[in-house]
Amino acid sequence: MSLILLQPENGVPATNGAPAKKYTATTKAYKNQEFLGSSQARLLRVMCEYEETMLRLKRYKIKATVLVFGSARAKSQEDWEAAVAAARAAEAEAEGEAKAAATKALQKIEKTSWMGEMTDKIVELSRLLTEWAVSPECRLGKDHTISGVTRYHHTDPRYSAHPRKLGANVPSYGVLGDDEPLEQGVYVCTGGGPGFMEAANKGAAMVPGAKNMGMGITLPFEDGLNEYVTPELAFEFHYFFTRKFWMVYHCQALVVAPGGFGTLDELFEVLTLKQTGKIQKTLPVVLFGKTFWQAVVNWQALVDFGTIAQEDVDSLFFTDSEQEAFQFLVASLSKNNNHA
């Protein structure tokens, strides 16, 4: 705290020539950065990440997304070749201990050579989905007229006779109502990072007038979201759990490209929500890259050991084709369409 002197206006002294009064400067609690960054304000920060995100999504009428996960290490074929050339040049110039580090960096990049073609396919898949999303043909089926984690369903008796309208006592937020014209039916949403996530945002950004989303997380090795995320739909979270909540909240379909710990974490979390009915069990899941997903996870072993059901595995769609993935997603999202 400090004392401030309120100067008389235009040099005119206070009443009858009395000296100006002194006042103690103050800071409002919600403007106190030291407090807001403290452990005592953690709940407030969590609420901010919930409320501000909800407000912005509601403002832009975001009600259905296709969520895309994947490794941040992936590069297009062109970018991969440039990265390899740079790494080889660095290795050639390095000496001593730096030489070993440069060799290790080169080997790390060379291992991801197979990602180049797949990255380009994710770009194309995202472009196809977004073109469909802004077209008149984009009409979600009755199982997909509401957000994934809300518990309202077309069989709920609180709905009116029309399956896309709610009764008077049911909150309308999160529901695709016929009285709310949407310029875009579905939005591609990613974690906002590089690699396969950037590829998905890039593909969506290729469609004129379309928007896409990025829900990033503060990390020491990333400076921000990739350049293809629509600015008004670019989010950065501090807490992983609030980010995960919002990534899944409006999710109507999931596409997972190969990835590491983070990708596996996100995939199995969504599969758990689907299995337990916390999100709709009809949620289509595409595992892009057959060889990777069938080698990294022994899906049938999980069934044979009795830890999951056969239908849990049978509901997954494995493919290496962007066209197959697109057709599967559109067919799944449009299934039982009441307006076809």
Protein backbone atom coordinates (compact mmCIF):
# COMPACT_ATOMS: atom_id res chain seq x y z
CA MET A 1 0.00 0.00 0.00
CA SER A 2 1.14 3.57 -0.61
CA LEU A 3 -0.18 7.06 0.00
CA ILE A 4 -1.22 9.22 -2.92
CA LEU A 5 -1.95 12.94 -2.95
CA LEU A 6 -5.00 14.03 -4.85
CA GLN A 7 -4.01 17.27 -6.54
CA PRO A 8 -6.63 20.01 -6.72
CA GLU A 9 -8.09 20.41 -10.20
CA ASN A 10 -6.49 23.22 -12.31
CA GLY A 11 -4.25 24.13 -9.44
CA VAL A 12 -7.16 25.39 -7.36
CA PRO A 13 -6.58 24.52 -3.71
CA ALA A 14 -9.10 22.55 -1.73
CA THR A 15 -11.87 24.30 0.19
CA ASN A 16 -10.82 27.71 1.46
CA GLY A 17 -7.17 27.09 0.75
CA ALA A 18 -6.95 23.95 2.91
CA PRO A 19 -4.29 21.46 1.79
CA ALA A 20 -5.38 18.58 -0.44
CA LYS A 21 -6.33 15.39 1.41
CA LYS A 22 -4.15 12.32 1.27
CA TYR A 23 -5.65 8.93 0.41
CA THR A 24 -4.32 5.37 0.50
CA ALA A 25 -4.08 3.72 -2.91
CA THR A 26 -5.90 0.41 -3.19
CA THR A 27 -6.13 -2.52 -5.60
CA LYS A 28 -9.36 -4.39 -6.23
CA ALA A 29 -9.10 -8.08 -5.43
CA TYR A 30 -9.95 -9.16 -8.98
CA LYS A 31 -7.11 -6.95 -10.29
CA ASN A 32 -4.54 -8.17 -7.78
CA GLN A 33 -2.21 -10.26 -9.98
CA GLU A 34 -0.22 -11.59 -7.03
CA PHE A 35 -3.39 -12.93 -5.43
CA LEU A 36 -4.80 -14.29 -8.68
CA GLY A 37 -1.62 -16.28 -9.20
CA SER A 38 -1.61 -17.69 -5.67
CA SER A 39 -2.74 -21.10 -4.46
CA GLN A 40 -5.65 -19.44 -2.63
CA ALA A 41 -7.10 -18.31 -5.98
CA ARG A 42 -6.83 -21.68 -7.71
CA LEU A 43 -10.58 -22.19 -7.65
CA LEU A 44 -11.08 -18.78 -9.27
CA ARG A 45 -8.64 -19.69 -12.06
CA VAL A 46 -10.44 -22.96 -12.64
CA MET A 47 -13.78 -21.16 -12.82
CA CYS A 48 -12.33 -18.65 -15.29
CA GLU A 49 -11.24 -21.48 -17.56
CA TYR A 50 -14.75 -22.89 -17.37
CA GLU A 51 -16.83 -19.73 -17.65
CA GLU A 52 -14.79 -17.80 -20.25
CA THR A 53 -14.61 -20.84 -22.50
CA MET A 54 -18.33 -21.48 -22.21
CA LEU A 55 -19.13 -17.85 -22.97
CA ARG A 56 -16.98 -17.80 -26.09
CA LEU A 57 -18.26 -21.13 -27.40
CA LYS A 58 -21.84 -19.99 -26.85
CA ARG A 59 -21.14 -16.67 -28.55
CA TYR A 60 -19.93 -18.42 -31.69
CA LYS A 61 -22.66 -21.09 -31.50
CA ILE A 62 -20.26 -24.00 -31.25
CA LYS A 63 -22.38 -27.07 -30.63
CA ALA A 64 -20.69 -29.96 -32.40
CA THR A 65 -17.03 -30.77 -32.99
CA VAL A 66 -14.86 -33.46 -34.50
CA LEU A 67 -11.95 -33.83 -32.12
CA VAL A 68 -8.54 -34.68 -33.59
CA PHE A 69 -5.63 -35.95 -31.48
CA GLY A 70 -2.15 -36.96 -32.57
CA SER A 71 1.57 -36.58 -32.09
CA ALA A 72 3.05 -33.09 -31.98
CA ARG A 73 6.20 -34.52 -33.61
CA ALA A 74 4.59 -35.26 -36.96
CA LYS A 75 5.65 -33.20 -39.99
CA SER A 76 4.54 -33.00 -43.58
CA GLN A 77 6.81 -34.82 -46.01
CA GLU A 78 8.31 -31.53 -47.16
CA ASP A 79 8.95 -30.28 -43.64
CA TRP A 80 10.37 -33.63 -42.58
CA GLU A 81 12.88 -33.63 -45.42
CA ALA A 82 13.96 -30.09 -44.49
CA ALA A 83 14.32 -31.09 -40.82
CA VAL A 84 16.45 -34.11 -41.73
CA ALA A 85 18.69 -32.00 -43.95
CA ALA A 86 19.18 -29.47 -41.15
CA ALA A 87 19.89 -32.20 -38.59
CA ARG A 88 22.44 -33.86 -40.86
CA ALA A 89 24.19 -30.55 -41.43
CA ALA A 90 24.28 -29.93 -37.67
CA GLU A 91 25.72 -33.39 -37.07
CA ALA A 92 28.43 -32.85 -39.68
CA GLU A 93 29.55 -29.60 -38.07
CA ALA A 94 29.40 -30.81 -34.46
CA GLU A 95 32.39 -32.08 -32.51
CA GLY A 96 32.98 -33.88 -29.22
CA GLU A 97 29.98 -34.19 -26.92
CA ALA A 98 27.92 -31.99 -29.24
CA LYS A 99 28.43 -34.61 -31.96
CA ALA A 100 26.68 -37.30 -29.92
CA ALA A 101 23.77 -34.97 -29.15
CA ALA A 102 23.44 -34.03 -32.82
CA THR A 103 23.46 -37.68 -33.86
CA LYS A 104 20.74 -38.46 -31.33
CA ALA A 105 18.62 -35.56 -32.62
CA LEU A 106 19.03 -36.79 -36.20
CA GLN A 107 18.01 -40.34 -35.29
CA LYS A 108 14.95 -39.02 -33.49
CA ILE A 109 13.79 -37.17 -36.61
CA GLU A 110 14.58 -40.08 -38.93
CA LYS A 111 12.33 -42.37 -36.92
CA THR A 112 9.30 -40.25 -37.83
CA SER A 113 9.72 -40.53 -41.61
CA TRP A 114 6.51 -42.57 -41.87
CA MET A 115 4.48 -39.68 -40.43
CA GLY A 116 4.92 -37.47 -43.49
CA GLU A 117 2.34 -39.11 -45.73
CA MET A 118 -0.06 -39.53 -42.82
CA THR A 119 0.22 -35.84 -41.93
CA ASP A 120 -0.85 -34.89 -45.44
CA LYS A 121 -3.79 -37.29 -45.17
CA ILE A 122 -4.95 -35.65 -41.94
CA VAL A 123 -4.87 -32.29 -43.72
CA GLU A 124 -7.10 -33.69 -46.45
CA LEU A 125 -9.48 -35.43 -44.03
CA SER A 126 -9.95 -32.21 -42.09
CA ARG A 127 -10.56 -30.27 -45.29
CA LEU A 128 -13.20 -32.76 -46.42
CA LEU A 129 -14.97 -32.69 -43.06
CA THR A 130 -15.02 -28.90 -42.96
CA GLU A 131 -16.31 -28.62 -46.52
CA TRP A 132 -19.13 -30.94 -45.52
CA ALA A 133 -19.69 -28.98 -42.29
CA VAL A 134 -20.46 -25.73 -44.15
CA SER A 135 -22.58 -27.40 -46.83
CA PRO A 136 -26.37 -27.89 -46.81
CA GLU A 137 -25.72 -31.64 -46.63
CA CYS A 138 -24.41 -31.33 -43.07
CA ARG A 139 -27.37 -32.46 -40.99
CA LEU A 140 -26.58 -34.37 -37.86
CA GLY A 141 -28.64 -37.40 -36.96
CA LYS A 142 -30.83 -37.44 -33.88
CA ASP A 143 -28.11 -39.10 -31.78
CA HIS A 144 -25.84 -36.15 -32.51
CA THR A 145 -28.07 -33.13 -32.06
CA ILE A 146 -26.71 -32.46 -28.59
CA SER A 147 -23.28 -32.21 -27.07
CA GLY A 148 -21.48 -35.38 -26.15
CA VAL A 149 -21.42 -35.05 -22.37
CA THR A 150 -24.86 -33.56 -21.70
CA ARG A 151 -27.29 -36.22 -20.61
CA TYR A 152 -30.27 -35.04 -22.70
CA HIS A 153 -31.22 -37.48 -25.42
CA HIS A 154 -33.86 -37.71 -28.11
CA THR A 155 -35.66 -40.37 -26.03
CA ASP A 156 -35.90 -38.05 -23.02
CA PRO A 157 -39.62 -37.41 -22.26
CA ARG A 158 -38.80 -33.75 -21.62
CA TYR A 159 -38.32 -33.31 -25.35
CA SER A 160 -41.25 -32.13 -27.40
CA ALA A 161 -42.57 -34.24 -30.24
CA HIS A 162 -39.89 -32.78 -32.45
CA PRO A 163 -36.63 -34.57 -31.53
CA ARG A 164 -34.53 -31.44 -31.96
CA LYS A 165 -36.52 -29.23 -29.60
CA LEU A 166 -36.65 -29.31 -25.84
CA GLY A 167 -39.50 -28.88 -23.44
CA ALA A 168 -39.97 -25.52 -21.72
CA ASN A 169 -38.19 -26.56 -18.53
CA VAL A 170 -35.05 -27.93 -20.14
CA PRO A 171 -32.04 -25.62 -20.62
CA SER A 172 -31.46 -24.89 -24.29
CA TYR A 173 -27.70 -24.35 -24.10
CA GLY A 174 -25.82 -27.09 -25.86
CA VAL A 175 -28.74 -28.13 -28.06
CA LEU A 176 -28.93 -27.71 -31.81
CA GLY A 177 -32.30 -26.04 -32.16
CA ASP A 178 -33.96 -25.52 -35.53
CA ASP A 179 -34.59 -21.90 -34.60
CA GLU A 180 -30.84 -21.25 -34.38
CA PRO A 181 -29.37 -20.98 -37.88
CA LEU A 182 -25.82 -22.28 -37.99
CA GLU A 183 -23.32 -21.20 -40.60
CA GLN A 184 -21.26 -24.27 -39.81
CA GLY A 185 -22.63 -27.51 -38.42
CA VAL A 186 -19.42 -29.10 -37.16
CA TYR A 187 -16.03 -27.69 -36.22
CA VAL A 188 -12.68 -29.43 -36.30
CA CYS A 189 -11.12 -29.11 -32.84
CA THR A 190 -7.55 -29.99 -31.85
CA GLY A 191 -5.14 -29.45 -29.00
CA GLY A 192 -3.80 -26.49 -30.95
CA GLY A 193 -0.24 -27.78 -31.10
CA PRO A 194 2.07 -28.73 -33.96
CA GLY A 195 2.21 -32.07 -35.77
CA PHE A 196 -1.03 -33.88 -36.54
CA MET A 197 -2.99 -31.20 -34.67
CA GLU A 198 -1.58 -28.48 -36.90
CA ALA A 199 -2.38 -30.64 -39.92
CA ALA A 200 -6.04 -30.87 -38.88
CA ASN A 201 -6.32 -27.12 -38.27
CA LYS A 202 -4.58 -26.46 -41.60
CA GLY A 203 -7.04 -28.62 -43.53
CA ALA A 204 -10.02 -26.89 -41.93
CA ALA A 205 -8.51 -23.45 -42.60
CA MET A 206 -8.38 -24.26 -46.31
CA VAL A 207 -12.16 -23.99 -46.56
CA PRO A 208 -13.21 -20.38 -47.27
CA GLY A 209 -15.29 -18.85 -44.50
CA ALA A 210 -14.99 -21.86 -42.20
CA LYS A 211 -13.70 -21.79 -38.65
CA ASN A 212 -11.79 -24.32 -36.59
CA MET A 213 -10.77 -24.60 -32.96
CA GLY A 214 -7.60 -25.09 -30.97
CA MET A 215 -7.59 -25.84 -27.25
CA GLY A 216 -4.00 -25.50 -26.18
CA ILE A 217 -2.24 -26.06 -22.88
CA THR A 218 0.64 -24.04 -21.45
CA LEU A 219 3.81 -26.06 -22.02
CA PRO A 220 7.47 -25.07 -21.65
CA PHE A 221 8.35 -26.20 -25.18
CA GLU A 222 5.45 -24.56 -27.05
CA ASP A 223 5.06 -20.82 -27.53
CA GLY A 224 1.40 -20.84 -28.49
CA LEU A 225 -1.13 -22.39 -30.81
CA ASN A 226 -0.40 -23.22 -34.43
CA GLU A 227 -1.06 -20.54 -37.03
CA TYR A 228 -4.08 -22.25 -38.61
CA VAL A 229 -6.38 -22.02 -35.59
CA THR A 230 -9.16 -19.46 -36.00
CA PRO A 231 -8.10 -16.60 -33.66
CA GLU A 232 -11.46 -16.14 -31.94
CA LEU A 233 -11.59 -19.89 -31.25
CA ALA A 234 -8.04 -20.18 -29.93
CA PHE A 235 -7.98 -21.18 -26.26
CA GLU A 236 -5.07 -21.68 -23.91
CA PHE A 237 -5.59 -23.56 -20.66
CA HIS A 238 -3.46 -23.88 -17.57
CA TYR A 239 -5.21 -26.94 -16.17
CA PHE A 240 -5.34 -30.18 -18.13
CA PHE A 241 -8.66 -31.23 -16.65
CA THR A 242 -10.55 -28.09 -17.69
CA ARG A 243 -9.04 -28.39 -21.15
CA LYS A 244 -10.10 -32.03 -21.41
CA PHE A 245 -13.61 -31.19 -20.26
CA TRP A 246 -14.11 -28.60 -22.99
CA MET A 247 -12.42 -30.66 -25.69
CA VAL A 248 -14.93 -33.45 -25.11
CA TYR A 249 -18.01 -31.40 -24.19
CA HIS A 250 -19.20 -30.80 -27.76
CA CYS A 251 -17.35 -33.72 -29.30
CA GLN A 252 -19.49 -35.70 -31.76
CA ALA A 253 -16.68 -37.75 -33.30
CA LEU A 254 -13.07 -38.55 -32.49
CA VAL A 255 -10.14 -38.98 -34.88
CA VAL A 256 -6.88 -40.18 -33.35
CA ALA A 257 -3.64 -40.24 -35.32
CA PRO A 258 -0.54 -41.98 -33.93
CA GLY A 259 1.03 -40.36 -30.91
CA GLY A 260 2.75 -40.79 -27.57
CA PHE A 261 1.74 -40.58 -23.93
CA GLY A 262 -0.51 -37.55 -24.38
CA THR A 263 -2.36 -39.05 -27.33
CA LEU A 264 -2.85 -42.39 -25.57
CA ASP A 265 -4.05 -40.59 -22.46
CA GLU A 266 -6.66 -38.62 -24.38
CA LEU A 267 -7.80 -41.65 -26.40
CA PHE A 268 -8.34 -43.96 -23.45
CA GLU A 269 -10.03 -41.24 -21.44
CA VAL A 270 -12.61 -40.68 -24.19
CA LEU A 271 -13.07 -44.44 -24.65
CA THR A 272 -13.71 -44.73 -20.91
CA LEU A 273 -16.31 -41.97 -21.02
CA LYS A 274 -17.96 -43.69 -23.97
CA GLN A 275 -17.88 -47.12 -22.31
CA THR A 276 -19.44 -45.79 -19.10
CA GLY A 277 -22.11 -43.72 -20.84
CA LYS A 278 -20.76 -40.37 -19.69
CA ILE A 279 -20.76 -39.42 -23.35
CA GLN A 280 -22.93 -40.93 -26.03
CA LYS A 281 -22.08 -44.57 -26.74
CA THR A 282 -22.67 -44.01 -30.45
CA LEU A 283 -19.67 -41.65 -30.61
CA PRO A 284 -17.69 -42.67 -33.72
CA VAL A 285 -13.98 -43.21 -33.11
CA VAL A 286 -11.47 -43.34 -35.97
CA LEU A 287 -7.99 -44.70 -35.30
CA PHE A 288 -5.94 -43.41 -38.21
CA GLY A 289 -2.94 -45.58 -39.03
CA LYS A 290 -3.85 -49.27 -38.84
CA THR A 291 -0.33 -50.63 -38.42
CA PHE A 292 0.48 -48.28 -35.56
CA TRP A 293 -2.71 -48.79 -33.57
CA GLN A 294 -2.81 -52.56 -33.99
CA ALA A 295 0.86 -52.89 -33.00
CA VAL A 296 0.93 -50.46 -30.08
CA VAL A 297 -2.27 -51.70 -28.43
CA ASN A 298 -3.24 -55.36 -28.27
CA TRP A 299 -6.96 -54.70 -28.41
CA GLN A 300 -7.99 -58.34 -28.67
CA ALA A 301 -5.90 -59.23 -25.61
CA LEU A 302 -7.92 -56.75 -23.59
CA VAL A 303 -11.05 -58.61 -24.68
CA ASP A 304 -9.56 -62.08 -24.13
CA PHE A 305 -8.48 -61.17 -20.59
CA GLY A 306 -12.02 -59.99 -19.89
CA THR A 307 -11.15 -56.36 -19.11
CA ILE A 308 -13.27 -54.91 -21.93
CA ALA A 309 -16.10 -56.20 -24.12
CA GLN A 310 -15.77 -57.29 -27.73
CA GLU A 311 -18.17 -54.55 -28.79
CA ASP A 312 -15.82 -51.95 -27.32
CA VAL A 313 -13.20 -52.97 -29.88
CA ASP A 314 -15.64 -53.64 -32.71
CA SER A 315 -16.91 -50.05 -32.48
CA LEU A 316 -13.45 -48.67 -33.37
CA PHE A 317 -12.77 -47.82 -37.01
CA PHE A 318 -9.21 -48.52 -38.16
CA THR A 319 -8.10 -47.01 -41.46
CA ASP A 320 -5.20 -45.61 -43.46
CA SER A 321 -7.45 -43.77 -45.90
CA GLU A 322 -8.72 -40.23 -45.49
CA GLN A 323 -11.59 -41.03 -47.85
CA GLU A 324 -12.67 -44.06 -45.80
CA ALA A 325 -12.45 -42.04 -42.59
CA PHE A 326 -14.50 -39.21 -44.10
CA GLN A 327 -17.22 -41.52 -45.38
CA PHE A 328 -17.41 -43.35 -42.04
CA LEU A 329 -17.68 -40.11 -40.06
CA VAL A 330 -20.34 -38.56 -42.29
CA ALA A 331 -22.38 -41.76 -42.29
CA SER A 332 -22.11 -42.05 -38.51
CA LEU A 333 -22.96 -38.41 -37.81
CA SER A 334 -25.87 -38.42 -40.25
CA LYS A 335 -27.32 -41.74 -39.08
CA ASN A 336 -31.07 -41.67 -38.38
CA ASN A 337 -31.26 -38.12 -39.71
CA ASN A 338 -34.81 -36.90 -39.25
CA HIS A 339 -34.40 -34.16 -41.82
CA ALA A 340 -32.95 -36.12 -44.72
